[in-house]
Amino acid sequence: MRKKILSTFVLGSTILGSTLTTAQPLVAAELAKQNPVLIAARRSSRKKPAPRKTSPAAKPWHAGLDIPYKSWLPKNRPHRVLLCVHGLGFSSKSFERFGRFMAARGIAVYAIDVRGFGSWRRNPETSEVDFEACITDLENALKLLRSKIPGTKIYIVGESMGGAISLAVTSRYPDLVDGLISCVPSGERYGDLKEKIVVGAHYIEDKDKPIDLSSEVIEKATSDEDLQNQLKSDPNIKMDLTPEELKQFNAFMRSNKDNAALIEKTPVLMMAGFEDRLVKPKGTIELFNDITCPEKILVVVGDGEHLLLEESELTRENGALIYNWLVNH
């Protein structure tokens, strides 16, 4: 027996009435086939899937495509391929649990480092954020994966900043992407005005002096104090960005609405956490409404925070829901 809870979301001047459904992931996925807007309000134990060992990652990149990445591959030929893009400050390593979960189910997972993050930081010439270069990296990676694994569907997956980058890539190269999974891609954050004032003040003072965003991002991304401490001490995570980089980040996030409107034929699964303290779920819902492709599903996870896929925050329920969406698209 499913329990239904009525809820109302206010989107600007539009009121969206939705039925919140508590259901097992596979049941929820079936409901999603009937209703393009699925709100999953499951108050689960948030138990994470146990890591599974997978085969060593083969490296498909050729010499002309020098993009830092990590991969999690199934033992046999994959029936789906995912190309993942991480959030602000994180790296390809953030998809470790997600990658293992999917690889154990026959899906190949590749995650790149966004320019200015992860392994790019080791070289002073590539240590700064560059969104256009990252989009070109993803275009080249998609083309390469298609040539190496012909006939296999390829999806792009992104969370937070990565969700926005994935939106942009899908809007520009629809023929390279068979489906999009975009989690919390909205740039509508809590404390936006305060952030703009702080960034502006630092920009006037010294546009190249880094600002530490650890408390702003990490402490709001998860309420798990152990994970907060782990993230703050992880050398792969970069939370000190210059005002110049933050200006570029904010400018890129403002392109979200235009990019969403250009997605006309690519199936989309969009997700948000109802308890997200960093990005407003309302912003993600608005982006979902901007997507013109009719084959789209929105999932708002009732007990979800900002991180739904990265840094060991993938739950069994969300993993199963995503997998079921993939095999049906």
Foldseek 3Di string as FASTA:
>chain_A
DKDWDWDWDCQPPDIDTDIEIADFLVVQLVVCVVPQEYAHQHPDPLDFDDFDDADADDDLDDPVQDFDKHKGAHPDAAQAEEEEEEAAQAANVFQRRVRRLVRVVRYIYMYTGAFLAFPLCVDPVRNAGDLVVRLVSVVVVLVSVCVVRPPHAYAYEYAACRLLSSLQSCLVCVVSHQAYEHELPAPAWPPVVVVVVVLVVQCVVPQAFWDACLCLPLVQQDVPVVLSVVQVPDPRGDRTHGSVRVVVSSVSNVCLLVSQLSQAAHAYEYEYEPAENTGHVSRSVVSQVSHNHPRHYYYYYSHHYRDCRTDSSPHPSNSVNVVVVVVVD
